[in-house]
Amino acid sequence: MRSAYQTRRIVTLAATVLVLFSVFARTAAAADENGRGRTRLEQILQKQREGGQLSEEERAFLERARERRRKPSIRQPRETTGLVPLTEMADGNYKGQSGGLYGNGKNEPPSSHRVASEKALAKIQPVDAEGQPSKTGRIGLISVGMSNTTQEFSAFKKMAEADPKKSSHVLIVDCAQGGMSADIWAHPEKATERERRSPWRVMEERMEEAGLSGAQVQVAWVKQALPGPQRLGPFPRHARAMQGDLVVVLQELKKRFPNLRVAYLSSRIYAGYATTGLNPEPYAYESAFTVRWLIEEQIQGKGELNYAAGRGDVKSPLLLWGPYLWADGLNARKSDGLVWKQEDLSERDGTHPSESGRRKVAEMLLNFFKTDPSAGTWFLKEDS
């Protein structure tokens, strides 16, 4: 006969087996359901791509899938991360990458690229709608990017237009757009899949409304990101993925705007307060390496980023760093004391800038265009 103790052991083990079986069954069912859901979503998206008319049920399924992607994941905000701004990493490295905007602890471009930038900048001048030099012409400055970019650049535009030192020839047009991340600019068909218009078409409309022709666009500020970069894998994979998208974007900009001389690139602001997986740390910090790799490969003579007519087909504007916007939260940056407080970020997601955050970026942009040797030559009035 079994003892009472043995009986209890058998009952407990049986109960455990039943619980484990139940969990396994639910997990398997959920996995199967998720698999069928993904297949269904792919079928609907393929139908949409081929121009098919979606049924009411299909449209509802698509909207539910999008809502699930938008649903935030809760994260704990952090006032600092312990990461070192790229501009202050003279020694050491981050995951095998050296510091400095231009690598090896350097925050200035090598002499060859500096000379090349001076030549490109010397070509910037007021031109008419056909691109011919004109005393009453325009120097078009546009932005290219996603939601953060348009929020920050629109604040800069207001600030710059009120500045008496800005050249009256400089016409600023905000072409960055909410939800238009690097992958969508590179592959605008993705916008159609989401029932959005191509960001390039919206850009054209904004330029037309402002009275700026394609031939007059000579300078661009490019600041981009990818949503949910963690899905692309650990560093450097997600950063390399965005690099590939930005190569396509830069080439398209040069095709559309043959007089585009310089593209100033910036990486993201601090994202330690992020409460969602949209673009938290360390992905915001790591986006700076995407910018640096693009510039490094152009300096090294990579054909897909060629800016010099004497070296073959021109496929890209000359690339330079714009203002570096990242600081480690409340840990003040040594060079200028920059900090990012929680109030500088949106209460909704801790990722987009609040009014004070937009103002900070706008001030950094304006200061850059007024004081940087590569920008002041065209941005300021001649007597400034």
Protein backbone atom coordinates (compact mmCIF):
# COMPACT_ATOMS: atom_id res chain seq x y z
CA MET A 1 0.00 0.00 0.00
CA ARG A 2 1.08 3.52 -0.74
CA SER A 3 1.72 5.83 2.14
CA ALA A 4 -0.18 9.11 2.43
CA TYR A 5 3.03 10.90 1.51
CA GLN A 6 3.42 8.86 -1.71
CA THR A 7 -0.20 9.48 -2.63
CA ARG A 8 0.24 13.23 -2.22
CA ARG A 9 3.40 13.10 -4.40
CA ILE A 10 1.54 11.29 -7.17
CA VAL A 11 -1.38 13.74 -7.02
CA THR A 12 1.02 16.72 -7.08
CA LEU A 13 2.97 15.33 -10.03
CA ALA A 14 -0.24 14.63 -11.93
CA ALA A 15 -1.46 18.16 -11.31
CA THR A 16 1.89 19.58 -12.47
CA VAL A 17 1.73 17.54 -15.66
CA LEU A 18 -1.80 18.79 -16.35
CA VAL A 19 -0.74 22.42 -15.81
CA LEU A 20 2.31 22.05 -18.05
CA PHE A 21 0.22 20.37 -20.73
CA SER A 22 -2.34 23.18 -20.52
CA VAL A 23 0.37 25.85 -20.85
CA PHE A 24 1.95 23.99 -23.77
CA ALA A 25 -1.42 23.67 -25.50
CA ARG A 26 -2.19 27.37 -25.08
CA THR A 27 1.29 28.34 -26.29
CA ALA A 28 1.02 26.07 -29.31
CA ALA A 29 -2.43 27.42 -30.10
CA ALA A 30 -1.19 31.00 -29.78
CA ALA A 31 1.80 30.27 -32.00
CA ASP A 32 -0.45 28.64 -34.57
CA GLU A 33 -2.85 31.59 -34.39
CA ASN A 34 0.03 34.06 -34.78
CA GLY A 35 1.32 32.11 -37.74
CA ARG A 36 -2.09 32.14 -39.44
CA GLY A 37 -2.39 35.85 -38.63
CA ARG A 38 0.96 36.65 -40.25
CA THR A 39 0.02 34.63 -43.33
CA ARG A 40 -3.31 36.43 -43.55
CA LEU A 41 -1.62 39.83 -43.19
CA GLU A 42 0.90 38.99 -45.93
CA GLN A 43 -1.94 37.94 -48.24
CA ILE A 44 -3.82 41.19 -47.67
CA LEU A 45 -0.71 43.33 -48.18
CA GLN A 46 0.12 41.44 -51.39
CA LYS A 47 -3.42 42.01 -52.65
CA GLN A 48 -3.11 45.70 -51.86
CA ARG A 49 0.26 45.94 -53.63
CA GLU A 50 -1.28 44.39 -56.75
CA GLY A 51 -4.04 47.00 -56.76
CA GLY A 52 -6.80 44.73 -55.55
CA GLN A 53 -9.86 46.12 -53.77
CA LEU A 54 -9.87 45.17 -50.08
CA SER A 55 -13.07 43.94 -48.49
CA GLU A 56 -14.46 45.50 -45.33
CA GLU A 57 -13.20 42.52 -43.32
CA GLU A 58 -9.72 42.78 -44.86
CA ARG A 59 -9.49 46.51 -44.13
CA ALA A 60 -10.55 45.87 -40.52
CA PHE A 61 -7.95 43.08 -40.17
CA LEU A 62 -5.24 45.40 -41.56
CA GLU A 63 -6.17 48.18 -39.15
CA ARG A 64 -6.11 45.79 -36.16
CA ALA A 65 -2.63 44.62 -37.20
CA ARG A 66 -1.43 48.22 -37.40
CA GLU A 67 -2.92 49.02 -34.03
CA ARG A 68 -1.05 46.10 -32.46
CA ARG A 69 2.20 47.45 -33.91
CA ARG A 70 1.47 50.90 -32.52
CA LYS A 71 0.65 49.60 -29.04
CA PRO A 72 3.37 50.87 -26.68
CA SER A 73 5.55 48.62 -24.58
CA ILE A 74 6.20 50.03 -21.14
CA ARG A 75 9.81 50.95 -20.38
CA GLN A 76 11.39 52.51 -17.34
CA PRO A 77 12.64 56.05 -18.10
CA ARG A 78 16.33 56.66 -17.38
CA GLU A 79 17.88 60.03 -16.60
CA THR A 80 21.30 58.80 -17.81
CA THR A 81 22.66 55.75 -19.61
CA GLY A 82 26.38 56.02 -18.90
CA LEU A 83 27.13 56.27 -22.61
CA VAL A 84 29.70 58.83 -23.77
CA PRO A 85 28.76 61.38 -26.45
CA LEU A 86 30.58 60.62 -29.67
CA THR A 87 32.13 64.09 -29.64
CA GLU A 88 33.76 63.39 -26.27
CA MET A 89 35.05 59.88 -26.95
CA ALA A 90 38.64 60.81 -27.80
CA ASP A 91 39.96 57.46 -26.60
CA GLY A 92 38.30 54.13 -26.12
CA ASN A 93 35.52 52.74 -28.25
CA TYR A 94 31.89 51.65 -28.32
CA LYS A 95 31.33 48.04 -29.37
CA GLY A 96 34.45 48.15 -31.51
CA GLN A 97 33.80 51.64 -32.93
CA SER A 98 36.15 54.52 -32.17
CA GLY A 99 34.91 57.89 -30.98
CA GLY A 100 34.68 61.26 -32.70
CA LEU A 101 32.26 62.40 -35.37
CA TYR A 102 34.74 61.51 -38.08
CA GLY A 103 36.34 58.54 -36.31
CA ASN A 104 39.54 58.00 -34.35
CA GLY A 105 38.53 60.66 -31.83
CA LYS A 106 38.35 63.40 -34.50
CA ASN A 107 35.44 65.84 -34.68
CA GLU A 108 36.66 67.61 -37.82
CA PRO A 109 36.76 66.10 -41.33
CA PRO A 110 40.12 65.12 -42.80
CA SER A 111 41.81 67.82 -44.86
CA SER A 112 40.88 66.25 -48.21
CA HIS A 113 37.18 66.28 -47.33
CA ARG A 114 37.40 69.77 -45.87
CA VAL A 115 38.90 71.09 -49.13
CA ALA A 116 36.22 69.26 -51.14
CA SER A 117 33.50 70.77 -48.95
CA GLU A 118 34.90 74.26 -49.48
CA LYS A 119 34.69 73.76 -53.24
CA ALA A 120 31.11 72.49 -53.00
CA LEU A 121 30.08 75.34 -50.71
CA ALA A 122 31.64 77.91 -53.06
CA LYS A 123 29.09 76.85 -55.69
CA ILE A 124 26.13 77.72 -53.47
CA GLN A 125 24.62 81.00 -54.64
CA PRO A 126 21.20 82.55 -55.30
CA VAL A 127 19.68 81.04 -58.45
CA ASP A 128 16.41 81.46 -60.32
CA ALA A 129 13.82 78.73 -60.86
CA GLU A 130 15.89 77.27 -63.71
CA GLY A 131 19.06 77.19 -61.62
CA GLN A 132 20.76 80.18 -63.22
CA PRO A 133 22.64 82.69 -61.03
CA SER A 134 20.39 85.59 -60.06
CA LYS A 135 20.71 88.51 -57.66
CA THR A 136 17.09 87.95 -56.69
CA GLY A 137 17.36 84.16 -56.65
CA ARG A 138 16.97 81.59 -53.90
CA ILE A 139 19.15 79.20 -51.91
CA GLY A 140 16.84 76.37 -50.96
CA LEU A 141 17.39 74.69 -47.57
CA ILE A 142 15.16 71.66 -46.99
CA SER A 143 14.75 69.01 -44.30
CA VAL A 144 14.38 65.28 -44.92
CA GLY A 145 13.27 62.92 -42.19
CA MET A 146 10.55 61.66 -39.88
CA SER A 147 8.35 63.09 -37.10
CA ASN A 148 11.14 64.32 -34.80
CA THR A 149 12.80 66.01 -37.77
CA THR A 150 9.73 67.94 -38.88
CA GLN A 151 8.92 69.00 -35.31
CA GLU A 152 12.45 70.29 -34.76
CA PHE A 153 12.97 71.82 -38.21
CA SER A 154 9.65 73.68 -38.15
CA ALA A 155 10.73 75.28 -34.85
CA PHE A 156 14.10 76.14 -36.43
CA LYS A 157 12.37 77.66 -39.46
CA LYS A 158 10.41 80.12 -37.29
CA MET A 159 13.50 80.98 -35.28
CA ALA A 160 15.71 81.44 -38.35
CA GLU A 161 13.24 83.58 -40.26
CA ALA A 162 13.11 85.97 -37.33
CA ASP A 163 16.90 86.24 -37.17
CA PRO A 164 18.16 89.46 -38.81
CA LYS A 165 21.48 87.84 -39.73
CA LYS A 166 19.97 85.20 -41.99
CA SER A 167 20.40 85.87 -45.69
CA SER A 168 17.16 86.88 -47.38
CA HIS A 169 18.11 84.57 -50.26
CA VAL A 170 17.82 81.46 -48.06
CA LEU A 171 14.37 79.88 -48.40
CA ILE A 172 13.69 77.26 -45.74
CA VAL A 173 11.16 74.50 -46.51
CA ASP A 174 10.34 71.72 -44.06
CA CYS A 175 9.97 68.53 -46.11
CA ALA A 176 10.30 66.07 -43.21
CA GLN A 177 7.08 64.24 -42.35
CA GLY A 178 5.58 62.34 -39.44
CA GLY A 179 5.77 58.57 -39.81
CA MET A 180 8.11 58.78 -42.80
CA SER A 181 11.15 56.86 -41.52
CA ALA A 182 14.29 56.09 -43.51
CA ASP A 183 12.92 52.83 -44.93
CA ILE A 184 9.81 54.55 -46.29
CA TRP A 185 11.76 57.38 -47.92
CA ALA A 186 13.96 54.70 -49.50
CA HIS A 187 10.98 52.54 -50.49
CA PRO A 188 7.96 54.86 -50.86
CA GLU A 189 5.73 51.97 -51.89
CA LYS A 190 5.58 51.19 -48.18
CA ALA A 191 3.66 54.42 -47.69
CA THR A 192 1.04 53.18 -50.17
CA GLU A 193 0.72 49.94 -48.23
CA ARG A 194 -0.18 52.04 -45.19
CA GLU A 195 -2.61 54.12 -47.22
CA ARG A 196 -0.26 57.12 -47.02
CA ARG A 197 1.08 59.22 -49.86
CA SER A 198 4.69 59.01 -50.97
CA PRO A 199 6.88 61.35 -48.90
CA TRP A 200 8.48 62.51 -52.15
CA ARG A 201 5.10 63.65 -53.47
CA VAL A 202 4.40 65.56 -50.24
CA MET A 203 7.86 67.12 -50.54
CA GLU A 204 7.04 68.34 -54.05
CA GLU A 205 3.78 69.90 -52.86
CA ARG A 206 5.44 71.71 -49.95
CA MET A 207 8.16 73.09 -52.21
CA GLU A 208 5.61 74.23 -54.79
CA GLU A 209 3.56 75.94 -52.11
CA ALA A 210 6.68 77.73 -50.83
CA GLY A 211 7.73 78.81 -54.33
CA LEU A 212 10.94 76.76 -54.34
CA SER A 213 11.95 74.92 -57.50
CA GLY A 214 14.02 71.75 -57.59
CA ALA A 215 16.87 73.64 -59.26
CA GLN A 216 17.05 76.01 -56.28
CA VAL A 217 17.51 73.29 -53.64
CA GLN A 218 21.18 73.45 -52.67
CA VAL A 219 21.36 72.36 -49.02
CA ALA A 220 19.56 69.64 -47.03
CA TRP A 221 19.41 68.68 -43.38
CA VAL A 222 18.86 64.94 -43.07
CA LYS A 223 17.92 63.32 -39.76
CA GLN A 224 16.45 59.85 -39.85
CA ALA A 225 15.55 56.78 -37.80
CA LEU A 226 14.00 53.35 -38.14
CA PRO A 227 10.98 52.38 -36.01
CA GLY A 228 11.53 49.43 -33.69
CA PRO A 229 15.20 48.96 -34.62
CA GLN A 230 15.51 46.07 -32.15
CA ARG A 231 13.60 43.89 -34.64
CA LEU A 232 16.58 44.18 -37.02
CA GLY A 233 19.06 42.68 -34.57
CA PRO A 234 21.79 43.99 -32.29
CA PHE A 235 24.34 46.66 -33.18
CA PRO A 236 25.64 47.10 -35.82
CA ARG A 237 22.91 45.36 -37.85
CA HIS A 238 20.13 47.88 -37.28
CA ALA A 239 22.53 50.79 -37.86
CA ARG A 240 23.80 49.22 -41.08
CA ALA A 241 20.21 48.67 -42.24
CA MET A 242 19.48 52.37 -41.89
CA GLN A 243 22.74 53.17 -43.66
CA GLY A 244 21.54 51.21 -46.69
CA ASP A 245 18.23 53.09 -46.71
CA LEU A 246 19.97 56.45 -46.45
CA VAL A 247 22.24 55.69 -49.41
CA VAL A 248 19.08 55.26 -51.50
CA VAL A 249 17.60 58.48 -50.09
CA LEU A 250 20.74 60.53 -50.76
CA GLN A 251 20.93 59.24 -54.32
CA GLU A 252 17.29 60.13 -54.91
CA LEU A 253 17.85 63.62 -53.52
CA LYS A 254 20.71 64.19 -55.94
CA LYS A 255 18.63 62.94 -58.89
CA ARG A 256 15.78 65.29 -58.03
CA PHE A 257 17.94 68.26 -57.10
CA PRO A 258 21.02 68.44 -59.36
CA ASN A 259 22.24 71.62 -57.60
CA LEU A 260 22.11 70.02 -54.15
CA ARG A 261 25.68 70.63 -53.02
CA VAL A 262 25.77 69.58 -49.36
CA ALA A 263 23.69 67.37 -47.09
CA TYR A 264 24.25 67.95 -43.38
CA LEU A 265 23.49 64.80 -41.39
CA SER A 266 22.46 64.58 -37.74
CA SER A 267 21.68 61.62 -35.51
CA ARG A 268 18.97 61.44 -32.85
CA ILE A 269 18.48 63.23 -29.55
CA TYR A 270 18.56 61.40 -26.19
CA ALA A 271 15.95 58.66 -25.83
CA GLY A 272 16.54 57.39 -22.30
CA TYR A 273 13.07 58.59 -21.27
CA ALA A 274 11.37 56.50 -23.95
CA THR A 275 8.43 54.45 -22.72
CA THR A 276 7.89 52.54 -26.00
CA GLY A 277 9.99 50.46 -28.34
CA LEU A 278 9.73 53.04 -31.14
CA ASN A 279 13.37 54.15 -30.89
CA PRO A 280 14.73 53.91 -27.33
CA GLU A 281 18.31 53.84 -26.10
CA PRO A 282 20.82 52.66 -27.06
CA TYR A 283 19.41 52.79 -30.59
CA ALA A 284 19.15 56.58 -30.62
CA TYR A 285 22.78 56.82 -29.51
CA GLU A 286 23.89 54.21 -32.06
CA SER A 287 22.28 56.08 -34.97
CA ALA A 288 25.33 58.37 -34.89
CA PHE A 289 27.44 55.55 -36.28
CA THR A 290 25.14 55.30 -39.28
CA VAL A 291 25.89 58.95 -40.05
CA ARG A 292 29.61 58.48 -39.56
CA TRP A 293 29.81 55.39 -41.76
CA LEU A 294 28.09 57.22 -44.61
CA ILE A 295 30.58 60.08 -44.45
CA GLU A 296 33.54 57.74 -44.00
CA GLU A 297 32.58 55.69 -47.04
CA GLN A 298 32.17 58.83 -49.13
CA ILE A 299 35.62 60.00 -48.04
CA GLN A 300 37.00 56.57 -48.97
CA GLY A 301 35.63 57.02 -52.48
CA LYS A 302 32.73 54.58 -52.49
CA GLY A 303 31.04 54.91 -55.89
CA GLU A 304 27.45 54.86 -54.64
CA LEU A 305 28.17 58.06 -52.67
CA ASN A 306 30.33 59.81 -55.26
CA TYR A 307 29.94 63.61 -55.25
CA ALA A 308 32.82 64.57 -57.57
CA ALA A 309 32.25 64.78 -61.33
CA GLY A 310 35.88 63.94 -62.01
CA ARG A 311 35.53 60.54 -60.34
CA GLY A 312 32.60 59.19 -62.34
CA ASP A 313 28.83 59.49 -62.13
CA VAL A 314 27.75 61.91 -59.42
CA LYS A 315 25.28 60.07 -57.22
CA SER A 316 25.22 62.00 -53.94
CA PRO A 317 25.67 65.47 -52.49
CA LEU A 318 28.77 66.01 -50.39
CA LEU A 319 28.12 64.79 -46.84
CA LEU A 320 29.05 66.60 -43.64
CA TRP A 321 28.02 66.35 -40.03
CA GLY A 322 25.39 68.84 -38.96
CA PRO A 323 24.90 69.50 -35.24
CA TYR A 324 25.41 66.48 -33.00
CA LEU A 325 22.31 66.48 -30.81
CA TRP A 326 22.88 63.65 -28.31
CA ALA A 327 23.83 64.13 -24.66
CA ASP A 328 23.50 61.58 -21.85
CA GLY A 329 20.31 62.83 -20.26
CA LEU A 330 21.05 64.87 -17.13
CA ASN A 331 24.78 64.19 -17.46
CA ALA A 332 25.85 67.51 -18.97
CA ARG A 333 27.92 67.48 -22.15
CA LYS A 334 31.38 68.91 -21.50
CA SER A 335 31.62 71.06 -24.60
CA ASP A 336 28.43 73.08 -24.13
CA GLY A 337 26.60 71.82 -21.03
CA LEU A 338 23.77 70.27 -23.07
CA VAL A 339 21.38 68.12 -21.03
CA TRP A 340 18.14 66.42 -21.88
CA LYS A 341 15.54 66.65 -19.12
CA GLN A 342 12.43 64.51 -19.02
CA GLU A 343 10.37 67.63 -19.69
CA ASP A 344 12.21 68.02 -23.01
CA LEU A 345 10.53 64.87 -24.28
CA SER A 346 6.89 64.10 -24.94
CA GLU A 347 4.85 62.85 -21.99
CA ARG A 348 3.13 60.45 -24.38
CA ASP A 349 6.14 58.36 -25.39
CA GLY A 350 9.36 60.00 -24.16
CA THR A 351 10.70 59.78 -27.72
CA HIS A 352 9.39 62.81 -29.56
CA PRO A 353 10.58 66.24 -28.39
CA SER A 354 8.28 68.47 -26.35
CA GLU A 355 8.14 72.21 -27.02
CA SER A 356 11.27 72.77 -24.95
CA GLY A 357 13.03 69.89 -26.72
CA ARG A 358 12.14 71.28 -30.13
CA ARG A 359 13.44 74.66 -29.07
CA LYS A 360 16.76 73.12 -27.97
CA VAL A 361 17.29 71.46 -31.34
CA ALA A 362 16.18 74.60 -33.19
CA GLU A 363 18.71 76.67 -31.27
CA MET A 364 21.48 74.18 -31.99
CA LEU A 365 20.59 74.16 -35.69
CA LEU A 366 20.49 77.94 -35.91
CA ASN A 367 23.78 78.29 -34.07
CA PHE A 368 25.34 75.70 -36.36
CA PHE A 369 24.26 77.45 -39.54
CA LYS A 370 25.42 80.81 -38.19
CA THR A 371 28.82 79.76 -36.83
CA ASP A 372 30.05 76.62 -38.58
CA PRO A 373 32.65 77.51 -41.26
CA SER A 374 30.92 75.23 -43.74
CA ALA A 375 27.51 76.88 -43.32
CA GLY A 376 28.01 80.55 -42.53
CA THR A 377 29.27 81.26 -46.05
CA TRP A 378 25.79 80.84 -47.56
CA PHE A 379 23.40 81.11 -44.61
CA LEU A 380 24.30 84.61 -43.40
CA LYS A 381 23.98 88.02 -44.97
CA GLU A 382 27.18 89.22 -46.59
CA ASP A 383 27.72 91.94 -44.01
CA SER A 384 27.13 89.61 -41.00
